[in-house]
Amino acid sequence: MGLFKKKKESDANIALLRKLDKRGITSLSERDPKTYQERIIGRAGAFSIADEELIISCGNQILFRHPLKEIKAGELMNLSGICLNVGEKRYVAYYTDGTLGKKK
């Protein structure tokens, strides 16, 4: 039974990440896993998905690029952004429109 649950969680995670395609962000920060302090590494950017990878670019620079299967994602409680976990690294991207479900 545990095998099926893990597969469903993985599918839901990838579905959440796919919803980010072409969504704008106000900022991208890197979060220290020990102190939970955030350091802004980019502003005014966007998500995109290409070749099964999530890409975050700000300006003309790619700041984040990882395969969808390697990312664990979870929305912030107030739905204003998303936390992306890749190994020991933690990133937080804040949506330009404030929520994932709302599209303009």
Protein backbone atom coordinates (compact mmCIF):
# COMPACT_ATOMS: atom_id res chain seq x y z
CA MET A 1 0.00 0.00 0.00
CA GLY A 2 2.89 2.38 0.75
CA LEU A 3 4.19 2.06 -2.81
CA PHE A 4 0.99 3.41 -4.32
CA LYS A 5 0.83 6.33 -1.90
CA LYS A 6 4.38 7.41 -2.75
CA LYS A 7 3.58 7.28 -6.48
CA LYS A 8 0.46 9.42 -5.99
CA GLU A 9 2.42 11.95 -3.91
CA SER A 10 5.08 12.14 -6.63
CA ASP A 11 2.43 12.62 -9.34
CA ALA A 12 0.75 15.37 -7.30
CA ASN A 13 4.12 17.09 -6.78
CA ILE A 14 4.90 17.05 -10.50
CA ALA A 15 1.38 18.29 -11.31
CA LEU A 16 1.91 21.22 -8.91
CA LEU A 17 5.24 22.03 -10.56
CA ARG A 18 3.70 21.88 -14.06
CA LYS A 19 1.13 24.52 -13.03
CA LEU A 20 4.00 26.95 -12.55
CA ASP A 21 4.90 27.07 -16.27
CA LYS A 22 4.99 30.67 -17.52
CA ARG A 23 3.96 32.08 -14.13
CA GLY A 24 5.71 35.26 -13.05
CA ILE A 25 7.57 35.72 -9.79
CA THR A 26 8.44 38.85 -7.84
CA SER A 27 11.50 37.32 -6.21
CA LEU A 28 13.47 34.13 -5.69
CA SER A 29 15.30 33.55 -2.44
CA GLU A 30 17.54 30.86 -1.05
CA ARG A 31 16.62 29.74 2.47
CA ASP A 32 19.20 28.59 4.99
CA PRO A 33 17.87 25.23 6.33
CA LYS A 34 19.37 25.85 9.79
CA THR A 35 18.41 29.46 10.48
CA TYR A 36 15.45 29.77 8.05
CA GLN A 37 16.78 33.15 6.94
CA GLU A 38 16.23 33.98 3.29
CA ARG A 39 18.66 35.67 0.92
CA ILE A 40 17.15 37.13 -2.25
CA ILE A 41 19.03 35.90 -5.30
CA GLY A 42 16.75 37.28 -8.03
CA ARG A 43 13.85 39.63 -8.74
CA ALA A 44 11.22 39.97 -11.47
CA GLY A 45 11.39 36.56 -13.09
CA ALA A 46 9.36 33.63 -14.33
CA PHE A 47 9.02 29.86 -14.18
CA SER A 48 9.27 27.73 -17.28
CA ILE A 49 9.32 24.01 -17.96
CA ALA A 50 11.46 22.52 -20.70
CA ASP A 51 12.68 18.95 -21.19
CA GLU A 52 11.11 17.83 -17.86
CA GLU A 53 13.08 20.51 -15.97
CA LEU A 54 11.81 23.45 -13.93
CA ILE A 55 13.69 26.62 -14.81
CA ILE A 56 13.51 29.93 -12.96
CA SER A 57 15.03 32.93 -14.66
CA CYS A 58 15.30 36.50 -13.48
CA GLY A 59 16.42 39.07 -16.02
CA ASN A 60 18.58 37.24 -18.53
CA GLN A 61 19.98 34.82 -15.98
CA ILE A 62 18.88 31.28 -15.09
CA LEU A 63 19.00 31.01 -11.30
CA PHE A 64 17.38 27.59 -10.81
CA ARG A 65 17.30 24.55 -13.09
CA HIS A 66 16.45 21.04 -11.90
CA PRO A 67 14.58 17.98 -13.19
CA LEU A 68 10.95 17.89 -12.00
CA LYS A 69 11.45 14.46 -10.42
CA GLU A 70 14.22 15.77 -8.13
CA ILE A 71 12.19 18.66 -6.67
CA LYS A 72 9.91 18.46 -3.65
CA ALA A 73 7.54 21.40 -3.69
CA GLY A 74 5.04 22.86 -1.30
CA GLU A 75 3.06 26.06 -1.42
CA LEU A 76 3.41 28.60 1.34
CA MET A 77 0.50 28.59 3.78
CA ASN A 78 -0.76 31.96 2.50
CA LEU A 79 -0.47 30.73 -1.13
CA SER A 80 1.74 33.67 -2.09
CA GLY A 81 4.59 31.46 -3.28
CA ILE A 82 6.19 28.06 -3.33
CA CYS A 83 9.05 26.39 -1.49
CA LEU A 84 11.29 24.20 -3.66
CA ASN A 85 13.49 21.60 -1.97
CA VAL A 86 16.36 20.02 -3.86
CA GLY A 87 18.55 17.91 -1.63
CA GLU A 88 19.79 20.19 1.18
CA LYS A 89 18.98 23.37 -0.77
CA ARG A 90 15.77 25.34 -0.15
CA TYR A 91 14.40 28.03 -2.45
CA VAL A 92 11.31 30.20 -2.09
CA ALA A 93 9.69 31.86 -5.11
CA TYR A 94 6.96 34.46 -4.58
CA TYR A 95 4.21 34.69 -7.22
CA THR A 96 3.50 38.01 -8.95
CA ASP A 97 -0.28 37.56 -8.63
CA GLY A 98 -0.18 36.32 -5.03
CA THR A 99 -1.81 32.89 -5.49
CA LEU A 100 -1.29 29.75 -7.53
CA GLY A 101 -4.98 29.20 -8.35
CA LYS A 102 -5.58 32.72 -9.63
CA LYS A 103 -4.68 33.46 -13.24
CA LYS A 104 -4.80 36.84 -14.92
